[in-house]
């Protein structure tokens, strides 16, 4: 499945943004979906994930309570609602889809996601 991430931009501290991840195939509805991010000079890190059935969601500690992951299987699109943005949230955000969520060190691992979008840049100014 091909993924197209969008919705990034330049915002100020405390603002909100909603990222979208549009899939190319209806099989997306049977995939787990995740968001990862990579800040300049840093490794890619897990942000949020949602199981295909929408029964389970997972968040990194750094975004828990501020970000919400969701999906609309009818529109084969996933979302990441980001509230109370901070400068440390600045990164390129990637959406990903995979058959199941694989855990490593207690959090979803990118290994479990076989399809990746191109990334969308989020910049939060202080």
Protein backbone atom coordinates (compact mmCIF):
# COMPACT_ATOMS: atom_id res chain seq x y z
CA UNK A 1 0.00 0.00 0.00
CA UNK A 2 1.25 3.50 -0.82
CA UNK A 3 0.90 6.25 1.75
CA UNK A 4 0.80 10.02 1.33
CA UNK A 5 1.35 12.14 4.42
CA UNK A 6 0.27 15.76 4.53
CA UNK A 7 -0.67 18.55 6.91
CA UNK A 8 2.69 19.67 8.20
CA UNK A 9 3.67 23.29 8.49
CA UNK A 10 5.14 26.05 10.60
CA UNK A 11 3.28 26.79 13.82
CA UNK A 12 3.92 28.43 17.16
CA UNK A 13 4.25 26.84 20.55
CA UNK A 14 0.83 25.81 21.84
CA UNK A 15 -0.77 25.58 18.41
CA UNK A 16 -2.43 22.53 16.89
CA UNK A 17 -1.99 20.66 13.64
CA UNK A 18 -3.65 17.62 12.11
CA UNK A 19 -1.59 15.35 9.93
CA UNK A 20 -3.26 13.09 7.41
CA UNK A 21 -2.06 9.85 5.87
CA UNK A 22 -3.94 8.87 2.72
CA UNK A 23 -3.61 5.26 1.60
CA UNK A 24 -3.84 4.00 -1.96
CA UNK A 25 -5.67 0.74 -1.28
CA UNK A 26 -8.65 -0.40 0.76
CA UNK A 27 -6.47 -3.10 2.28
CA UNK A 28 -5.27 -0.24 4.50
CA UNK A 29 -8.30 -0.87 6.68
CA UNK A 30 -6.82 -4.22 7.72
CA UNK A 31 -3.40 -2.78 8.55
CA UNK A 32 -2.05 -1.29 11.71
CA UNK A 33 -1.01 2.33 11.25
CA UNK A 34 1.69 4.29 12.95
CA UNK A 35 3.34 7.69 13.05
CA UNK A 36 7.04 8.12 13.56
CA UNK A 37 9.16 11.26 13.48
CA UNK A 38 12.76 12.20 12.91
CA UNK A 39 14.24 15.45 14.13
CA UNK A 40 17.43 16.90 12.60
CA UNK A 41 20.45 14.98 13.81
CA UNK A 42 18.36 12.45 15.70
CA UNK A 43 17.16 8.94 15.10
CA UNK A 44 13.64 8.15 14.01
CA UNK A 45 11.33 7.67 16.98
CA UNK A 46 7.92 6.23 17.58
CA UNK A 47 5.06 8.69 18.08
CA UNK A 48 1.74 6.84 17.95
CA UNK A 49 0.12 3.72 16.55
CA UNK A 50 -3.34 2.31 16.13
CA UNK A 51 -4.37 -1.27 15.53
CA UNK A 52 -6.39 -2.10 12.41
CA UNK A 53 -9.52 -2.71 14.43
CA UNK A 54 -9.22 0.68 16.21
CA UNK A 55 -9.37 -1.24 19.44
CA UNK A 56 -5.92 -0.24 20.67
CA UNK A 57 -3.84 2.88 20.49
CA UNK A 58 -0.28 3.49 21.63
CA UNK A 59 1.62 6.70 22.30
CA UNK A 60 5.11 7.68 23.22
CA UNK A 61 5.40 9.26 26.64
CA UNK A 62 6.46 12.55 25.06
CA UNK A 63 3.16 13.02 23.20
CA UNK A 64 0.68 11.19 25.43
CA UNK A 65 -2.18 13.47 26.34
CA UNK A 66 -1.39 15.94 23.55
CA UNK A 67 -1.57 13.84 20.38
CA UNK A 68 -4.41 11.63 19.18
CA UNK A 69 -4.14 9.00 16.47
CA UNK A 70 -7.24 7.94 14.57
CA UNK A 71 -8.29 6.46 11.29
CA UNK A 72 -11.25 6.55 8.94
CA UNK A 73 -11.28 3.22 7.15
CA UNK A 74 -14.09 4.34 4.85
CA UNK A 75 -11.79 7.11 3.59
CA UNK A 76 -8.67 4.88 3.92
CA UNK A 77 -7.01 7.74 5.73
CA UNK A 78 -5.26 7.99 9.06
CA UNK A 79 -4.78 11.08 11.18
CA UNK A 80 -2.58 12.47 13.89
CA UNK A 81 -4.14 15.34 15.81
CA UNK A 82 -1.38 17.28 17.53
CA UNK A 83 -2.29 19.75 20.24
CA UNK A 84 -0.18 21.88 22.57
CA UNK A 85 2.75 21.66 20.20
CA UNK A 86 6.22 22.29 21.57
CA UNK A 87 9.50 23.19 19.84
CA UNK A 88 10.76 19.68 20.62
CA UNK A 89 7.97 18.30 18.41
CA UNK A 90 9.77 19.77 15.40
CA UNK A 91 10.55 16.90 13.03
CA UNK A 92 9.65 15.19 9.80
CA UNK A 93 6.63 13.02 10.52
CA UNK A 94 6.19 9.74 8.70
CA UNK A 95 3.10 7.60 8.56
CA UNK A 96 3.43 3.86 8.18
CA UNK A 97 1.23 0.81 7.76
CA UNK A 98 1.84 -2.82 8.50
CA UNK A 99 0.18 -6.16 9.11
CA UNK A 100 0.60 -6.01 12.86
CA UNK A 101 2.25 -3.94 15.55
CA UNK A 102 5.60 -5.34 16.65
CA UNK A 103 6.96 -4.20 19.99
CA UNK A 104 10.57 -3.53 20.92
CA UNK A 105 11.64 -2.06 24.25
CA UNK A 106 7.99 -1.74 25.18
CA UNK A 107 6.88 0.37 22.25
CA UNK A 108 5.86 -0.21 18.63
CA UNK A 109 8.86 -0.82 16.44
CA UNK A 110 9.23 0.46 12.87
CA UNK A 111 10.11 -3.13 11.92
CA UNK A 112 6.44 -4.07 11.96
CA UNK A 113 5.49 -1.44 9.38
CA UNK A 114 6.23 -2.39 5.80
CA UNK A 115 4.81 0.65 4.02
CA UNK A 116 5.94 4.21 4.62
CA UNK A 117 4.84 7.63 3.43
CA UNK A 118 7.24 10.32 2.28
CA UNK A 119 7.09 12.43 5.43
CA UNK A 120 5.71 15.86 6.23
CA UNK A 121 7.66 18.55 8.05
CA UNK A 122 6.34 20.04 11.26
CA UNK A 123 8.16 23.05 12.64
CA UNK A 124 7.19 24.54 15.98
CA UNK A 125 8.64 27.94 16.77
CA UNK A 126 9.18 29.13 20.32
